[in-house]
Amino acid sequence: MSPKKKETTFEEALKNLEALVTSMESGDVPLATLVEKFEEGSKLVKTCEERLKQAELKIEKLRQDADKASLEPFAPDAD
């Protein structure tokens, strides 16, 4: 059984994307390599968008749950 591949975090994807862009901007990259890097960058952008969407959905759910919460008066147990 092969180990599960760890999901890339938003921060990891963004860091990799920034490094990729920097290397592409150097001007010393052949066209074929630029195309490969562009493809890789597109995948990283998609990963970032997915992680942001997941976070947005989680925050929205938490906000909805918080809106449903209600406070009740404290009544200590009578011993």
PDB file of N, CA and C in Angstrom:
ATOM      1  N   MET A   1       0.840  -1.181   0.000  1.00  0.00           N
ATOM      2  CA  MET A   1       0.000   0.000   0.000  1.00  0.00           C
ATOM      3  C   MET A   1       0.884   1.243   0.000  1.00  0.00           C
ATOM      4  N   SER A   2       0.656   2.156  -0.902  1.00  0.00           N
ATOM      5  CA  SER A   2       1.461   3.366  -0.979  1.00  0.00           C
ATOM      6  C   SER A   2       0.909   4.423  -0.031  1.00  0.00           C
ATOM      7  N   PRO A   3       1.814   5.240   0.550  1.00  0.00           N
ATOM      8  CA  PRO A   3       1.349   6.283   1.463  1.00  0.00           C
ATOM      9  C   PRO A   3       0.560   7.349   0.708  1.00  0.00           C
ATOM     10  N   LYS A   4      -0.381   7.967   1.415  1.00  0.00           N
ATOM     11  CA  LYS A   4      -1.176   9.028   0.796  1.00  0.00           C
ATOM     12  C   LYS A   4      -0.301  10.239   0.515  1.00  0.00           C
ATOM     13  N   LYS A   5      -0.543  10.864  -0.612  1.00  0.00           N
ATOM     14  CA  LYS A   5       0.187  12.073  -0.958  1.00  0.00           C
ATOM     15  C   LYS A   5      -0.366  13.225  -0.130  1.00  0.00           C
ATOM     16  N   LYS A   6       0.528  13.960   0.514  1.00  0.00           N
ATOM     17  CA  LYS A   6       0.127  15.081   1.350  1.00  0.00           C
ATOM     18  C   LYS A   6      -0.437  16.197   0.475  1.00  0.00           C
ATOM     19  N   GLU A   7      -1.563  16.744   0.895  1.00  0.00           N
ATOM     20  CA  GLU A   7      -2.170  17.851   0.160  1.00  0.00           C
ATOM     21  C   GLU A   7      -1.321  19.102   0.329  1.00  0.00           C
ATOM     22  N   THR A   8      -1.110  19.808  -0.763  1.00  0.00           N
ATOM     23  CA  THR A   8      -0.346  21.044  -0.720  1.00  0.00           C
ATOM     24  C   THR A   8      -1.170  22.123  -0.041  1.00  0.00           C
ATOM     25  N   THR A   9      -0.551  22.822   0.907  1.00  0.00           N
ATOM     26  CA  THR A   9      -1.249  23.909   1.585  1.00  0.00           C
ATOM     27  C   THR A   9      -1.257  25.147   0.694  1.00  0.00           C
ATOM     28  N   PHE A  10      -2.106  26.096   1.045  1.00  0.00           N
ATOM     29  CA  PHE A  10      -2.159  27.361   0.318  1.00  0.00           C
ATOM     30  C   PHE A  10      -0.792  28.037   0.347  1.00  0.00           C
ATOM     31  N   GLU A  11      -0.193  28.067   1.538  1.00  0.00           N
ATOM     32  CA  GLU A  11       1.092  28.750   1.694  1.00  0.00           C
ATOM     33  C   GLU A  11       2.186  28.096   0.855  1.00  0.00           C
ATOM     34  N   GLU A  12       2.207  26.770   0.811  1.00  0.00           N
ATOM     35  CA  GLU A  12       3.203  26.060  -0.001  1.00  0.00           C
ATOM     36  C   GLU A  12       3.004  26.351  -1.485  1.00  0.00           C
ATOM     37  N   ALA A  13       1.757  26.295  -1.928  1.00  0.00           N
ATOM     38  CA  ALA A  13       1.465  26.547  -3.343  1.00  0.00           C
ATOM     39  C   ALA A  13       1.837  27.973  -3.725  1.00  0.00           C
ATOM     40  N   LEU A  14       1.511  28.930  -2.858  1.00  0.00           N
ATOM     41  CA  LEU A  14       1.826  30.332  -3.147  1.00  0.00           C
ATOM     42  C   LEU A  14       3.334  30.554  -3.199  1.00  0.00           C
ATOM     43  N   LYS A  15       4.050  29.954  -2.257  1.00  0.00           N
ATOM     44  CA  LYS A  15       5.514  30.080  -2.240  1.00  0.00           C
ATOM     45  C   LYS A  15       6.115  29.493  -3.520  1.00  0.00           C
ATOM     46  N   ASN A  16       5.633  28.315  -3.918  1.00  0.00           N
ATOM     47  CA  ASN A  16       6.125  27.685  -5.149  1.00  0.00           C
ATOM     48  C   ASN A  16       5.786  28.528  -6.376  1.00  0.00           C
ATOM     49  N   LEU A  17       4.607  29.105  -6.383  1.00  0.00           N
ATOM     50  CA  LEU A  17       4.187  29.950  -7.500  1.00  0.00           C
ATOM     51  C   LEU A  17       5.067  31.193  -7.600  1.00  0.00           C
ATOM     52  N   GLU A  18       5.346  31.816  -6.463  1.00  0.00           N
ATOM     53  CA  GLU A  18       6.208  33.004  -6.462  1.00  0.00           C
ATOM     54  C   GLU A  18       7.606  32.670  -6.968  1.00  0.00           C
ATOM     55  N   ALA A  19       8.146  31.522  -6.545  1.00  0.00           N
ATOM     56  CA  ALA A  19       9.475  31.099  -7.007  1.00  0.00           C
ATOM     57  C   ALA A  19       9.461  30.825  -8.507  1.00  0.00           C
ATOM     58  N   LEU A  20       8.393  30.232  -8.973  1.00  0.00           N
ATOM     59  CA  LEU A  20       8.241  29.925 -10.395  1.00  0.00           C
ATOM     60  C   LEU A  20       8.210  31.207 -11.228  1.00  0.00           C
ATOM     61  N   VAL A  21       7.436  32.173 -10.778  1.00  0.00           N
ATOM     62  CA  VAL A  21       7.334  33.451 -11.494  1.00  0.00           C
ATOM     63  C   VAL A  21       8.694  34.144 -11.526  1.00  0.00           C
ATOM     64  N   THR A  22       9.390  34.129 -10.405  1.00  0.00           N
ATOM     65  CA  THR A  22      10.716  34.751 -10.350  1.00  0.00           C
ATOM     66  C   THR A  22      11.663  34.106 -11.358  1.00  0.00           C
ATOM     67  N   SER A  23      11.644  32.779 -11.427  1.00  0.00           N
ATOM     68  CA  SER A  23      12.533  32.095 -12.378  1.00  0.00           C
ATOM     69  C   SER A  23      12.135  32.390 -13.821  1.00  0.00           C
ATOM     70  N   MET A  24      10.832  32.528 -14.070  1.00  0.00           N
ATOM     71  CA  MET A  24      10.367  32.828 -15.431  1.00  0.00           C
ATOM     72  C   MET A  24      10.743  34.248 -15.844  1.00  0.00           C
ATOM     73  N   GLU A  25      10.797  35.152 -14.884  1.00  0.00           N
ATOM     74  CA  GLU A  25      11.109  36.550 -15.185  1.00  0.00           C
ATOM     75  C   GLU A  25      12.600  36.797 -15.386  1.00  0.00           C
ATOM     76  N   SER A  26      13.420  35.793 -15.112  1.00  0.00           N
ATOM     77  CA  SER A  26      14.868  35.977 -15.211  1.00  0.00           C
ATOM     78  C   SER A  26      15.325  36.258 -16.637  1.00  0.00           C
ATOM     79  N   GLY A  27      14.558  35.795 -17.623  1.00  0.00           N
ATOM     80  CA  GLY A  27      14.921  36.049 -19.013  1.00  0.00           C
ATOM     81  C   GLY A  27      15.870  35.022 -19.594  1.00  0.00           C
ATOM     82  N   ASP A  28      16.371  34.115 -18.772  1.00  0.00           N
ATOM     83  CA  ASP A  28      17.331  33.108 -19.233  1.00  0.00           C
ATOM     84  C   ASP A  28      16.684  31.752 -19.492  1.00  0.00           C
ATOM     85  N   VAL A  29      15.372  31.705 -19.564  1.00  0.00           N
ATOM     86  CA  VAL A  29      14.662  30.431 -19.675  1.00  0.00           C
ATOM     87  C   VAL A  29      14.234  30.207 -21.126  1.00  0.00           C
ATOM     88  N   PRO A  30      14.568  29.039 -21.682  1.00  0.00           N
ATOM     89  CA  PRO A  30      14.137  28.731 -23.051  1.00  0.00           C
ATOM     90  C   PRO A  30      12.611  28.663 -23.147  1.00  0.00           C
ATOM     91  N   LEU A  31      12.103  28.889 -24.334  1.00  0.00           N
ATOM     92  CA  LEU A  31      10.659  28.928 -24.557  1.00  0.00           C
ATOM     93  C   LEU A  31       9.967  27.642 -24.107  1.00  0.00           C
ATOM     94  N   ALA A  32      10.523  26.498 -24.448  1.00  0.00           N
ATOM     95  CA  ALA A  32       9.899  25.221 -24.069  1.00  0.00           C
ATOM     96  C   ALA A  32       9.789  25.101 -22.549  1.00  0.00           C
ATOM     97  N   THR A  33      10.820  25.553 -21.851  1.00  0.00           N
ATOM     98  CA  THR A  33      10.799  25.514 -20.389  1.00  0.00           C
ATOM     99  C   THR A  33       9.777  26.496 -19.844  1.00  0.00           C
ATOM    100  N   LEU A  34       9.668  27.659 -20.480  1.00  0.00           N
ATOM    101  CA  LEU A  34       8.659  28.640 -20.062  1.00  0.00           C
ATOM    102  C   LEU A  34       7.251  28.062 -20.163  1.00  0.00           C
ATOM    103  N   VAL A  35       7.004  27.332 -21.230  1.00  0.00           N
ATOM    104  CA  VAL A  35       5.683  26.717 -21.412  1.00  0.00           C
ATOM    105  C   VAL A  35       5.426  25.702 -20.296  1.00  0.00           C
ATOM    106  N   GLU A  36       6.428  24.896 -19.969  1.00  0.00           N
ATOM    107  CA  GLU A  36       6.289  23.918 -18.883  1.00  0.00           C
ATOM    108  C   GLU A  36       6.034  24.619 -17.552  1.00  0.00           C
ATOM    109  N   LYS A  37       6.788  25.681 -17.308  1.00  0.00           N
ATOM    110  CA  LYS A  37       6.625  26.426 -16.060  1.00  0.00           C
ATOM    111  C   LYS A  37       5.261  27.115 -16.005  1.00  0.00           C
ATOM    112  N   PHE A  38       4.796  27.593 -17.142  1.00  0.00           N
ATOM    113  CA  PHE A  38       3.468  28.206 -17.188  1.00  0.00           C
ATOM    114  C   PHE A  38       2.402  27.177 -16.823  1.00  0.00           C
ATOM    115  N   GLU A  39       2.551  25.973 -17.363  1.00  0.00           N
ATOM    116  CA  GLU A  39       1.597  24.900 -17.050  1.00  0.00           C
ATOM    117  C   GLU A  39       1.630  24.573 -15.554  1.00  0.00           C
ATOM    118  N   GLU A  40       2.821  24.464 -15.008  1.00  0.00           N
ATOM    119  CA  GLU A  40       2.964  24.192 -13.575  1.00  0.00           C
ATOM    120  C   GLU A  40       2.359  25.332 -12.753  1.00  0.00           C
ATOM    121  N   GLY A  41       2.604  26.565 -13.184  1.00  0.00           N
ATOM    122  CA  GLY A  41       2.048  27.727 -12.495  1.00  0.00           C
ATOM    123  C   GLY A  41       0.532  27.740 -12.525  1.00  0.00           C
ATOM    124  N   SER A  42      -0.037  27.333 -13.641  1.00  0.00           N
ATOM    125  CA  SER A  42      -1.500  27.265 -13.752  1.00  0.00           C
ATOM    126  C   SER A  42      -2.076  26.278 -12.742  1.00  0.00           C
ATOM    127  N   LYS A  43      -1.394  25.163 -12.551  1.00  0.00           N
ATOM    128  CA  LYS A  43      -1.837  24.170 -11.565  1.00  0.00           C
ATOM    129  C   LYS A  43      -1.730  24.735 -10.146  1.00  0.00           C
ATOM    130  N   LEU A  44      -0.658  25.480  -9.895  1.00  0.00           N
ATOM    131  CA  LEU A  44      -0.487  26.080  -8.569  1.00  0.00           C
ATOM    132  C   LEU A  44      -1.561  27.131  -8.295  1.00  0.00           C
ATOM    133  N   VAL A  45      -1.912  27.916  -9.312  1.00  0.00           N
ATOM    134  CA  VAL A  45      -2.987  28.906  -9.163  1.00  0.00           C
ATOM    135  C   VAL A  45      -4.294  28.196  -8.826  1.00  0.00           C
ATOM    136  N   LYS A  46      -4.560  27.104  -9.511  1.00  0.00           N
ATOM    137  CA  LYS A  46      -5.782  26.338  -9.248  1.00  0.00           C
ATOM    138  C   LYS A  46      -5.787  25.814  -7.811  1.00  0.00           C
ATOM    139  N   THR A  47      -4.646  25.315  -7.359  1.00  0.00           N
ATOM    140  CA  THR A  47      -4.540  24.834  -5.980  1.00  0.00           C
ATOM    141  C   THR A  47      -4.823  25.961  -4.994  1.00  0.00           C
ATOM    142  N   CYS A  48      -4.234  27.135  -5.232  1.00  0.00           N
ATOM    143  CA  CYS A  48      -4.472  28.286  -4.353  1.00  0.00           C
ATOM    144  C   CYS A  48      -5.954  28.652  -4.326  1.00  0.00           C
ATOM    145  N   GLU A  49      -6.579  28.677  -5.492  1.00  0.00           N
ATOM    146  CA  GLU A  49      -8.006  29.013  -5.565  1.00  0.00           C
ATOM    147  C   GLU A  49      -8.851  27.995  -4.810  1.00  0.00           C
ATOM    148  N   GLU A  50      -8.505  26.712  -4.929  1.00  0.00           N
ATOM    149  CA  GLU A  50      -9.253  25.660  -4.225  1.00  0.00           C
ATOM    150  C   GLU A  50      -9.118  25.814  -2.715  1.00  0.00           C
ATOM    151  N   ARG A  51      -7.894  26.084  -2.242  1.00  0.00           N
ATOM    152  CA  ARG A  51      -7.678  26.244  -0.796  1.00  0.00           C
ATOM    153  C   ARG A  51      -8.422  27.472  -0.277  1.00  0.00           C
ATOM    154  N   LEU A  52      -8.419  28.554  -1.045  1.00  0.00           N
ATOM    155  CA  LEU A  52      -9.153  29.755  -0.634  1.00  0.00           C
ATOM    156  C   LEU A  52     -10.650  29.484  -0.580  1.00  0.00           C
ATOM    157  N   LYS A  53     -11.160  28.753  -1.556  1.00  0.00           N
ATOM    158  CA  LYS A  53     -12.588  28.418  -1.585  1.00  0.00           C
ATOM    159  C   LYS A  53     -12.954  27.554  -0.379  1.00  0.00           C
ATOM    160  N   GLN A  54     -12.099  26.576  -0.055  1.00  0.00           N
ATOM    161  CA  GLN A  54     -12.342  25.731   1.114  1.00  0.00           C
ATOM    162  C   GLN A  54     -12.396  26.574   2.391  1.00  0.00           C
ATOM    163  N   ALA A  55     -11.457  27.499   2.522  1.00  0.00           N
ATOM    164  CA  ALA A  55     -11.427  28.358   3.704  1.00  0.00           C
ATOM    165  C   ALA A  55     -12.666  29.246   3.756  1.00  0.00           C
ATOM    166  N   GLU A  56     -13.047  29.783   2.615  1.00  0.00           N
ATOM    167  CA  GLU A  56     -14.233  30.638   2.538  1.00  0.00           C
ATOM    168  C   GLU A  56     -15.491  29.873   2.961  1.00  0.00           C
ATOM    169  N   LEU A  57     -15.640  28.653   2.481  1.00  0.00           N
ATOM    170  CA  LEU A  57     -16.801  27.833   2.837  1.00  0.00           C
ATOM    171  C   LEU A  57     -16.805  27.496   4.327  1.00  0.00           C
ATOM    172  N   LYS A  58     -15.639  27.200   4.867  1.00  0.00           N
ATOM    173  CA  LYS A  58     -15.547  26.876   6.293  1.00  0.00           C
ATOM    174  C   LYS A  58     -15.912  28.091   7.144  1.00  0.00           C
ATOM    175  N   ILE A  59     -15.406  29.256   6.767  1.00  0.00           N
ATOM    176  CA  ILE A  59     -15.720  30.480   7.504  1.00  0.00           C
ATOM    177  C   ILE A  59     -17.208  30.782   7.421  1.00  0.00           C
ATOM    178  N   GLU A  60     -17.790  30.616   6.257  1.00  0.00           N
ATOM    179  CA  GLU A  60     -19.227  30.866   6.091  1.00  0.00           C
ATOM    180  C   GLU A  60     -20.042  29.925   6.973  1.00  0.00           C
ATOM    181  N   LYS A  61     -19.641  28.661   7.031  1.00  0.00           N
ATOM    182  CA  LYS A  61     -20.353  27.698   7.886  1.00  0.00           C
ATOM    183  C   LYS A  61     -20.227  28.092   9.350  1.00  0.00           C
ATOM    184  N   LEU A  62     -19.039  28.480   9.759  1.00  0.00           N
ATOM    185  CA  LEU A  62     -18.838  28.903  11.146  1.00  0.00           C
ATOM    186  C   LEU A  62     -19.684  30.127  11.481  1.00  0.00           C
ATOM    187  N   ARG A  63     -19.775  31.050  10.542  1.00  0.00           N
ATOM    188  CA  ARG A  63     -20.595  32.251  10.763  1.00  0.00           C
ATOM    189  C   ARG A  63     -22.069  31.885  10.880  1.00  0.00           C
ATOM    190  N   GLN A  64     -22.522  30.974  10.025  1.00  0.00           N
ATOM    191  CA  GLN A  64     -23.922  30.539  10.086  1.00  0.00           C
ATOM    192  C   GLN A  64     -24.208  29.832  11.405  1.00  0.00           C
ATOM    193  N   ASP A  65     -23.284  28.978  11.833  1.00  0.00           N
ATOM    194  CA  ASP A  65     -23.458  28.279  13.106  1.00  0.00           C
ATOM    195  C   ASP A  65     -23.469  29.266  14.273  1.00  0.00           C
ATOM    196  N   ALA A  66     -22.623  30.294  14.198  1.00  0.00           N
ATOM    197  CA  ALA A  66     -22.578  31.294  15.261  1.00  0.00           C
ATOM    198  C   ALA A  66     -23.873  32.093  15.305  1.00  0.00           C
ATOM    199  N   ASP A  67     -24.458  32.363  14.153  1.00  0.00           N
ATOM    200  CA  ASP A  67     -25.719  33.105  14.103  1.00  0.00           C
ATOM    201  C   ASP A  67     -26.859  32.306  14.722  1.00  0.00           C
ATOM    202  N   LYS A  68     -26.766  30.989  14.669  1.00  0.00           N
ATOM    203  CA  LYS A  68     -27.813  30.131  15.215  1.00  0.00           C
ATOM    204  C   LYS A  68     -27.674  29.941  16.724  1.00  0.00           C
ATOM    205  N   ALA A  69     -26.506  30.248  17.250  1.00  0.00           N
ATOM    206  CA  ALA A  69     -26.264  30.049  18.676  1.00  0.00           C
ATOM    207  C   ALA A  69     -27.109  31.019  19.494  1.00  0.00           C
ATOM    208  N   SER A  70     -27.521  30.570  20.649  1.00  0.00           N
ATOM    209  CA  SER A  70     -28.293  31.442  21.534  1.00  0.00           C
ATOM    210  C   SER A  70     -27.757  31.309  22.951  1.00  0.00           C
ATOM    211  N   LEU A  71     -27.930  32.363  23.698  1.00  0.00           N
ATOM    212  CA  LEU A  71     -27.494  32.372  25.085  1.00  0.00           C
ATOM    213  C   LEU A  71     -28.667  32.021  25.976  1.00  0.00           C
ATOM    214  N   GLU A  72     -28.382  31.238  26.991  1.00  0.00           N
ATOM    215  CA  GLU A  72     -29.405  30.896  27.967  1.00  0.00           C
ATOM    216  C   GLU A  72     -28.918  31.358  29.328  1.00  0.00           C
ATOM    217  N   PRO A  73     -29.835  31.795  30.188  1.00  0.00           N
ATOM    218  CA  PRO A  73     -29.422  32.222  31.528  1.00  0.00           C
ATOM    219  C   PRO A  73     -28.774  31.060  32.280  1.00  0.00           C
ATOM    220  N   PHE A  74     -27.788  31.395  33.063  1.00  0.00           N
ATOM    221  CA  PHE A  74     -27.087  30.390  33.847  1.00  0.00           C
ATOM    222  C   PHE A  74     -27.929  30.030  35.057  1.00  0.00           C
ATOM    223  N   ALA A  75     -28.142  28.751  35.249  1.00  0.00           N
ATOM    224  CA  ALA A  75     -28.892  28.278  36.412  1.00  0.00           C
ATOM    225  C   ALA A  75     -28.050  27.214  37.102  1.00  0.00           C
ATOM    226  N   PRO A  76     -27.410  27.584  38.213  1.00  0.00           N
ATOM    227  CA  PRO A  76     -26.567  26.599  38.904  1.00  0.00           C
ATOM    228  C   PRO A  76     -27.410  25.436  39.417  1.00  0.00           C
ATOM    229  N   ASP A  77     -26.810  24.270  39.415  1.00  0.00           N
ATOM    230  CA  ASP A  77     -27.503  23.085  39.927  1.00  0.00           C
ATOM    231  C   ASP A  77     -27.744  23.237  41.421  1.00  0.00           C
ATOM    232  N   ALA A  78     -28.920  22.878  41.842  1.00  0.00           N
ATOM    233  CA  ALA A  78     -29.236  22.906  43.274  1.00  0.00           C
ATOM    234  C   ALA A  78     -28.808  21.579  43.871  1.00  0.00           C
ATOM    235  N   ASP A  79     -27.850  21.614  44.777  1.00  0.00           N
ATOM    236  CA  ASP A  79     -27.361  20.373  45.402  1.00  0.00           C
ATOM    237  C   ASP A  79     -28.026  20.123  46.709  1.00  0.00           C
TER     238      ASP A  79
END
